[in-house]
C-alpha cells in the first residue's frame, strides 16, 4: 500500500466510524484500531479526526450544492410544466442522497452543543445549503417565476421541510419509496396546500 492508498484507507475507515458511532463518539484511537496502523502513521497523514471530518463535509457539500443549484426555477418556468421540470431536476439530487445516505443521515441527526469545532462545521454546511436555496429563490423572483417573498425566511422553511422528510425517509424508514411521493413534496414547496393554488 503506497502513501496515497494508505491515506485513502485511513480516510474511509474514519468515515465508516463517524457514520457508525457518530463524530463525537469516534476517537483517533478508534480510527487507529480500525486501520491497524501506528499512531505516528496516522499523524503523518492527518492532524486529527477534525481534519478528516472537515475534508469529508467539504466534499459532500460541494457535490450537494452542485445538485441543488442545478434545480433551475427560472428555466423550469419558461413555458413548461413547473412541477414536472423541477421533479426532473430534483431526480439528480435524490440520486446523490441515495448514494450518500450514510453521510446524509450523519448530518441531519448530528447532535450539537458538545464540540465547538463540530458545531461550526455543521453550521457552515447548512449555511451553504441555505444560501443555495436563497439564490434559487432570488433568481426565480427576478425572472417572475417566484412570487415576491423574503427569500431567506422561505429558504429556512424549505430546508426544514427537506430535513424532516429526509429523517422520515433515511433514518426512520417511514417513506418506502421517495419517488412515489416526490410530486407531493415538490408541489407543497411550490404551491403550499391551498386548493386555489395555481399549477
C-alpha atoms as a PDB file:
ATOM      1  CA  UNK A   1       0.000   0.000   0.000  1.00  0.00           C
ATOM      2  CA  UNK A   2       1.584   3.295  -1.093  1.00  0.00           C
ATOM      3  CA  UNK A   3       1.288   6.589   0.774  1.00  0.00           C
ATOM      4  CA  UNK A   4      -1.756   7.790  -1.187  1.00  0.00           C
ATOM      5  CA  UNK A   5      -3.563   4.466  -0.787  1.00  0.00           C
ATOM      6  CA  UNK A   6      -2.830   4.420   2.938  1.00  0.00           C
ATOM      7  CA  UNK A   7      -4.214   7.936   3.359  1.00  0.00           C
ATOM      8  CA  UNK A   8      -7.390   6.970   1.474  1.00  0.00           C
ATOM      9  CA  UNK A   9      -7.712   3.828   3.607  1.00  0.00           C
ATOM     10  CA  UNK A  10      -7.448   5.838   6.841  1.00  0.00           C
ATOM     11  CA  UNK A  11      -9.959   8.339   5.477  1.00  0.00           C
ATOM     12  CA  UNK A  12     -12.521   5.654   4.547  1.00  0.00           C
ATOM     13  CA  UNK A  13     -12.118   3.885   7.896  1.00  0.00           C
ATOM     14  CA  UNK A  14     -12.699   7.178   9.720  1.00  0.00           C
ATOM     15  CA  UNK A  15     -15.757   7.872   7.576  1.00  0.00           C
ATOM     16  CA  UNK A  16     -17.276   4.480   8.409  1.00  0.00           C
ATOM     17  CA  UNK A  17     -16.657   5.068  12.130  1.00  0.00           C
ATOM     18  CA  UNK A  18     -18.220   8.543  12.017  1.00  0.00           C
ATOM     19  CA  UNK A  19     -21.306   7.042  10.381  1.00  0.00           C
ATOM     20  CA  UNK A  20     -21.441   4.027  12.697  1.00  0.00           C
ATOM     21  CA  UNK A  21     -20.644   5.690  16.027  1.00  0.00           C
ATOM     22  CA  UNK A  22     -21.063   9.393  15.367  1.00  0.00           C
ATOM     23  CA  UNK A  23     -18.353  12.043  15.247  1.00  0.00           C
ATOM     24  CA  UNK A  24     -18.277  12.698  18.994  1.00  0.00           C
ATOM     25  CA  UNK A  25     -18.020   9.031  19.967  1.00  0.00           C
ATOM     26  CA  UNK A  26     -15.212   8.331  17.494  1.00  0.00           C
ATOM     27  CA  UNK A  27     -11.678   8.907  18.732  1.00  0.00           C
ATOM     28  CA  UNK A  28      -8.336   8.885  16.939  1.00  0.00           C
ATOM     29  CA  UNK A  29      -7.622   5.693  18.902  1.00  0.00           C
ATOM     30  CA  UNK A  30     -10.726   4.111  17.316  1.00  0.00           C
ATOM     31  CA  UNK A  31      -9.516   5.058  13.841  1.00  0.00           C
ATOM     32  CA  UNK A  32      -6.041   3.700  14.562  1.00  0.00           C
ATOM     33  CA  UNK A  33      -7.508   0.446  15.891  1.00  0.00           C
ATOM     34  CA  UNK A  34      -9.712   0.002  12.825  1.00  0.00           C
ATOM     35  CA  UNK A  35      -6.907   0.728  10.371  1.00  0.00           C
ATOM     36  CA  UNK A  36      -4.317  -1.255  12.385  1.00  0.00           C
ATOM     37  CA  UNK A  37      -1.642   1.351  11.829  1.00  0.00           C
ATOM     38  CA  UNK A  38       0.773   3.050  14.196  1.00  0.00           C
ATOM     39  CA  UNK A  39      -0.268   6.347  15.798  1.00  0.00           C
ATOM     40  CA  UNK A  40       2.717   8.022  14.092  1.00  0.00           C
ATOM     41  CA  UNK A  41       1.456   6.775  10.719  1.00  0.00           C
ATOM     42  CA  UNK A  42      -1.951   8.317  11.355  1.00  0.00           C
ATOM     43  CA  UNK A  43      -0.432  11.683  12.259  1.00  0.00           C
ATOM     44  CA  UNK A  44       1.860  11.530   9.217  1.00  0.00           C
ATOM     45  CA  UNK A  45      -1.319  11.839   7.122  1.00  0.00           C
ATOM     46  CA  UNK A  46      -3.786  13.816   9.269  1.00  0.00           C
ATOM     47  CA  UNK A  47      -3.597  16.285  12.131  1.00  0.00           C
ATOM     48  CA  UNK A  48      -6.558  14.611  13.830  1.00  0.00           C
ATOM     49  CA  UNK A  49     -10.141  13.463  13.336  1.00  0.00           C
ATOM     50  CA  UNK A  50     -11.282  17.088  12.850  1.00  0.00           C
ATOM     51  CA  UNK A  51      -9.261  17.365   9.640  1.00  0.00           C
ATOM     52  CA  UNK A  52     -10.772  14.154   8.251  1.00  0.00           C
ATOM     53  CA  UNK A  53     -14.278  15.303   9.129  1.00  0.00           C
ATOM     54  CA  UNK A  54     -13.673  18.688   7.505  1.00  0.00           C
ATOM     55  CA  UNK A  55     -12.477  17.095   4.244  1.00  0.00           C
ATOM     56  CA  UNK A  56     -15.438  14.728   4.324  1.00  0.00           C
ATOM     57  CA  UNK A  57     -18.002  17.505   4.812  1.00  0.00           C
ATOM     58  CA  UNK A  58     -16.367  19.804   2.246  1.00  0.00           C
ATOM     59  CA  UNK A  59     -16.536  17.088  -0.415  1.00  0.00           C
ATOM     60  CA  UNK A  60     -20.151  16.199   0.413  1.00  0.00           C
ATOM     61  CA  UNK A  61     -21.119  19.884   0.485  1.00  0.00           C
ATOM     62  CA  UNK A  62     -19.532  20.637  -2.892  1.00  0.00           C
ATOM     63  CA  UNK A  63     -21.354  17.774  -4.608  1.00  0.00           C
ATOM     64  CA  UNK A  64     -24.651  18.516  -2.861  1.00  0.00           C
ATOM     65  CA  UNK A  65     -24.578  22.206  -3.827  1.00  0.00           C
ATOM     66  CA  UNK A  66     -23.961  21.283  -7.462  1.00  0.00           C
ATOM     67  CA  UNK A  67     -27.144  19.187  -7.414  1.00  0.00           C
ATOM     68  CA  UNK A  68     -29.172  21.874  -5.603  1.00  0.00           C
ATOM     69  CA  UNK A  69     -28.075  24.679  -7.924  1.00  0.00           C
ATOM     70  CA  UNK A  70     -28.945  22.508 -10.932  1.00  0.00           C
ATOM     71  CA  UNK A  71     -32.611  22.918  -9.899  1.00  0.00           C
ATOM     72  CA  UNK A  72     -33.154  25.994 -12.033  1.00  0.00           C
ATOM     73  CA  UNK A  73     -36.544  27.515 -11.188  1.00  0.00           C
ATOM     74  CA  UNK A  74     -36.156  30.199 -13.853  1.00  0.00           C
ATOM     75  CA  UNK A  75     -35.511  27.685 -16.638  1.00  0.00           C
ATOM     76  CA  UNK A  76     -38.262  25.392 -15.403  1.00  0.00           C
ATOM     77  CA  UNK A  77     -40.772  28.214 -15.512  1.00  0.00           C
ATOM     78  CA  UNK A  78     -40.153  29.121 -19.144  1.00  0.00           C
ATOM     79  CA  UNK A  79     -43.414  27.905 -20.659  1.00  0.00           C
ATOM     80  CA  UNK A  80     -43.165  24.341 -19.316  1.00  0.00           C
ATOM     81  CA  UNK A  81     -44.935  22.477 -16.525  1.00  0.00           C
ATOM     82  CA  UNK A  82     -43.131  23.777 -13.446  1.00  0.00           C
ATOM     83  CA  UNK A  83     -43.693  20.755 -11.195  1.00  0.00           C
ATOM     84  CA  UNK A  84     -42.568  18.255 -13.854  1.00  0.00           C
ATOM     85  CA  UNK A  85     -39.471  20.288 -14.667  1.00  0.00           C
ATOM     86  CA  UNK A  86     -38.487  20.720 -11.025  1.00  0.00           C
ATOM     87  CA  UNK A  87     -39.069  16.999 -10.447  1.00  0.00           C
ATOM     88  CA  UNK A  88     -36.772  16.079 -13.344  1.00  0.00           C
ATOM     89  CA  UNK A  89     -34.047  18.332 -11.931  1.00  0.00           C
ATOM     90  CA  UNK A  90     -34.621  17.027  -8.388  1.00  0.00           C
ATOM     91  CA  UNK A  91     -34.033  13.430  -9.501  1.00  0.00           C
ATOM     92  CA  UNK A  92     -30.275  14.103  -9.658  1.00  0.00           C
ATOM     93  CA  UNK A  93     -30.322  15.442  -6.101  1.00  0.00           C
ATOM     94  CA  UNK A  94     -32.320  12.424  -4.968  1.00  0.00           C
ATOM     95  CA  UNK A  95     -29.886  10.007  -6.584  1.00  0.00           C
ATOM     96  CA  UNK A  96     -26.965  11.743  -4.886  1.00  0.00           C
ATOM     97  CA  UNK A  97     -28.680  11.494  -1.476  1.00  0.00           C
ATOM     98  CA  UNK A  98     -29.419   7.798  -2.027  1.00  0.00           C
ATOM     99  CA  UNK A  99     -25.804   7.120  -2.962  1.00  0.00           C
ATOM    100  CA  UNK A 100     -24.591   9.073   0.077  1.00  0.00           C
ATOM    101  CA  UNK A 101     -27.330   8.125   2.538  1.00  0.00           C
ATOM    102  CA  UNK A 102     -24.804   7.431   5.301  1.00  0.00           C
ATOM    103  CA  UNK A 103     -23.439  10.983   5.153  1.00  0.00           C
ATOM    104  CA  UNK A 104     -26.925  12.483   4.878  1.00  0.00           C
ATOM    105  CA  UNK A 105     -28.003  10.569   7.997  1.00  0.00           C
ATOM    106  CA  UNK A 106     -24.893  11.694   9.865  1.00  0.00           C
ATOM    107  CA  UNK A 107     -25.511  15.360   9.084  1.00  0.00           C
ATOM    108  CA  UNK A 108     -29.249  15.536   9.750  1.00  0.00           C
ATOM    109  CA  UNK A 109     -29.076  13.639  13.053  1.00  0.00           C
ATOM    110  CA  UNK A 110     -25.803  15.048  14.394  1.00  0.00           C
ATOM    111  CA  UNK A 111     -26.205  16.279  17.994  1.00  0.00           C
ATOM    112  CA  UNK A 112     -24.796  19.747  18.545  1.00  0.00           C
ATOM    113  CA  UNK A 113     -23.652  21.588  21.665  1.00  0.00           C
ATOM    114  CA  UNK A 114     -20.806  19.247  22.614  1.00  0.00           C
ATOM    115  CA  UNK A 115     -17.949  20.465  20.441  1.00  0.00           C
ATOM    116  CA  UNK A 116     -17.484  23.977  19.039  1.00  0.00           C
ATOM    117  CA  UNK A 117     -15.483  22.782  16.010  1.00  0.00           C
ATOM    118  CA  UNK A 118     -18.145  20.254  15.102  1.00  0.00           C
ATOM    119  CA  UNK A 119     -20.945  22.779  15.637  1.00  0.00           C
ATOM    120  CA  UNK A 120     -19.233  25.347  13.405  1.00  0.00           C
ATOM    121  CA  UNK A 121     -18.668  22.724  10.685  1.00  0.00           C
ATOM    122  CA  UNK A 122     -22.332  21.688  10.712  1.00  0.00           C
ATOM    123  CA  UNK A 123     -23.436  25.344  10.846  1.00  0.00           C
ATOM    124  CA  UNK A 124     -21.247  26.171   7.831  1.00  0.00           C
ATOM    125  CA  UNK A 125     -22.627  23.191   5.903  1.00  0.00           C
ATOM    126  CA  UNK A 126     -26.281  24.089   6.445  1.00  0.00           C
ATOM    127  CA  UNK A 127     -25.461  27.770   5.902  1.00  0.00           C
ATOM    128  CA  UNK A 128     -24.161  26.885   2.428  1.00  0.00           C
ATOM    129  CA  UNK A 129     -27.308  24.889   1.674  1.00  0.00           C
ATOM    130  CA  UNK A 130     -29.482  27.795   2.812  1.00  0.00           C
ATOM    131  CA  UNK A 131     -27.502  30.198   0.624  1.00  0.00           C
ATOM    132  CA  UNK A 132     -28.011  27.925  -2.388  1.00  0.00           C
ATOM    133  CA  UNK A 133     -31.786  27.723  -1.808  1.00  0.00           C
ATOM    134  CA  UNK A 134     -31.957  31.502  -1.268  1.00  0.00           C
ATOM    135  CA  UNK A 135     -30.090  32.052  -4.524  1.00  0.00           C
ATOM    136  CA  UNK A 136     -32.570  29.859  -6.425  1.00  0.00           C
ATOM    137  CA  UNK A 137     -35.485  31.799  -4.934  1.00  0.00           C
ATOM    138  CA  UNK A 138     -33.902  35.168  -5.723  1.00  0.00           C
ATOM    139  CA  UNK A 139     -33.270  34.118  -9.324  1.00  0.00           C
ATOM    140  CA  UNK A 140     -36.854  32.882  -9.583  1.00  0.00           C
ATOM    141  CA  UNK A 141     -38.198  36.196  -8.255  1.00  0.00           C
ATOM    142  CA  UNK A 142     -36.022  38.174 -10.662  1.00  0.00           C
ATOM    143  CA  UNK A 143     -37.491  36.204 -13.582  1.00  0.00           C
ATOM    144  CA  UNK A 144     -41.054  36.404 -12.288  1.00  0.00           C
ATOM    145  CA  UNK A 145     -41.431  32.649 -11.695  1.00  0.00           C
ATOM    146  CA  UNK A 146     -41.442  33.002  -7.899  1.00  0.00           C
ATOM    147  CA  UNK A 147     -43.762  35.382  -6.058  1.00  0.00           C
ATOM    148  CA  UNK A 148     -42.152  38.194  -4.101  1.00  0.00           C
ATOM    149  CA  UNK A 149     -41.147  36.910  -0.675  1.00  0.00           C
ATOM    150  CA  UNK A 150     -38.440  37.078   1.981  1.00  0.00           C
ATOM    151  CA  UNK A 151     -36.162  34.536   0.301  1.00  0.00           C
ATOM    152  CA  UNK A 152     -34.027  33.947   3.409  1.00  0.00           C
ATOM    153  CA  UNK A 153     -37.030  33.063   5.582  1.00  0.00           C
ATOM    154  CA  UNK A 154     -38.612  30.877   2.878  1.00  0.00           C
ATOM    155  CA  UNK A 155     -35.245  29.118   2.489  1.00  0.00           C
ATOM    156  CA  UNK A 156     -35.436  28.198   6.204  1.00  0.00           C
ATOM    157  CA  UNK A 157     -38.922  26.760   5.666  1.00  0.00           C
ATOM    158  CA  UNK A 158     -37.866  24.755   2.603  1.00  0.00           C
ATOM    159  CA  UNK A 159     -34.753  23.383   4.314  1.00  0.00           C
ATOM    160  CA  UNK A 160     -36.789  22.472   7.388  1.00  0.00           C
ATOM    161  CA  UNK A 161     -39.240  20.564   5.218  1.00  0.00           C
ATOM    162  CA  UNK A 162     -36.434  18.777   3.361  1.00  0.00           C
ATOM    163  CA  UNK A 163     -34.599  17.827   6.575  1.00  0.00           C
ATOM    164  CA  UNK A 164     -37.723  16.328   8.164  1.00  0.00           C
ATOM    165  CA  UNK A 165     -38.593  14.392   5.008  1.00  0.00           C
ATOM    166  CA  UNK A 166     -35.031  13.054   4.923  1.00  0.00           C
ATOM    167  CA  UNK A 167     -35.258  11.987   8.573  1.00  0.00           C
ATOM    168  CA  UNK A 168     -38.501  10.091   7.918  1.00  0.00           C
ATOM    169  CA  UNK A 169     -37.014   8.579   4.739  1.00  0.00           C
ATOM    170  CA  UNK A 170     -33.358   7.842   5.559  1.00  0.00           C
ATOM    171  CA  UNK A 171     -33.420   7.476   9.351  1.00  0.00           C
ATOM    172  CA  UNK A 172     -36.826   6.058  10.323  1.00  0.00           C
ATOM    173  CA  UNK A 173     -37.710   4.399   7.022  1.00  0.00           C
ATOM    174  CA  UNK A 174     -41.282   5.738   7.125  1.00  0.00           C
ATOM    175  CA  UNK A 175     -41.127   6.637   3.426  1.00  0.00           C
ATOM    176  CA  UNK A 176     -40.606   3.431   1.470  1.00  0.00           C
ATOM    177  CA  UNK A 177     -40.289   4.913  -1.994  1.00  0.00           C
ATOM    178  CA  UNK A 178     -39.417   8.595  -2.009  1.00  0.00           C
ATOM    179  CA  UNK A 179     -40.183   8.867  -5.744  1.00  0.00           C
ATOM    180  CA  UNK A 180     -43.802   7.863  -5.155  1.00  0.00           C
ATOM    181  CA  UNK A 181     -44.345  10.978  -3.042  1.00  0.00           C
ATOM    182  CA  UNK A 182     -41.887  13.315  -4.741  1.00  0.00           C
ATOM    183  CA  UNK A 183     -44.608  15.244  -6.600  1.00  0.00           C
ATOM    184  CA  UNK A 184     -46.393  15.900  -3.294  1.00  0.00           C
ATOM    185  CA  UNK A 185     -43.190  17.157  -1.654  1.00  0.00           C
ATOM    186  CA  UNK A 186     -42.256  19.405  -4.580  1.00  0.00           C
ATOM    187  CA  UNK A 187     -45.859  20.548  -5.031  1.00  0.00           C
ATOM    188  CA  UNK A 188     -46.072  21.539  -1.372  1.00  0.00           C
ATOM    189  CA  UNK A 189     -42.892  23.615  -1.608  1.00  0.00           C
ATOM    190  CA  UNK A 190     -44.052  25.228  -4.857  1.00  0.00           C
ATOM    191  CA  UNK A 191     -47.734  25.833  -4.124  1.00  0.00           C
ATOM    192  CA  UNK A 192     -48.475  25.136  -0.440  1.00  0.00           C
ATOM    193  CA  UNK A 193     -51.701  23.280   0.374  1.00  0.00           C
ATOM    194  CA  UNK A 194     -54.446  25.694  -0.753  1.00  0.00           C
ATOM    195  CA  UNK A 195     -56.968  24.316  -3.257  1.00  0.00           C
ATOM    196  CA  UNK A 196     -56.844  27.550  -5.198  1.00  0.00           C
ATOM    197  CA  UNK A 197     -53.078  27.413  -5.768  1.00  0.00           C
ATOM    198  CA  UNK A 198     -52.401  27.685  -9.459  1.00  0.00           C
ATOM    199  CA  UNK A 199     -50.440  24.895 -11.073  1.00  0.00           C
END
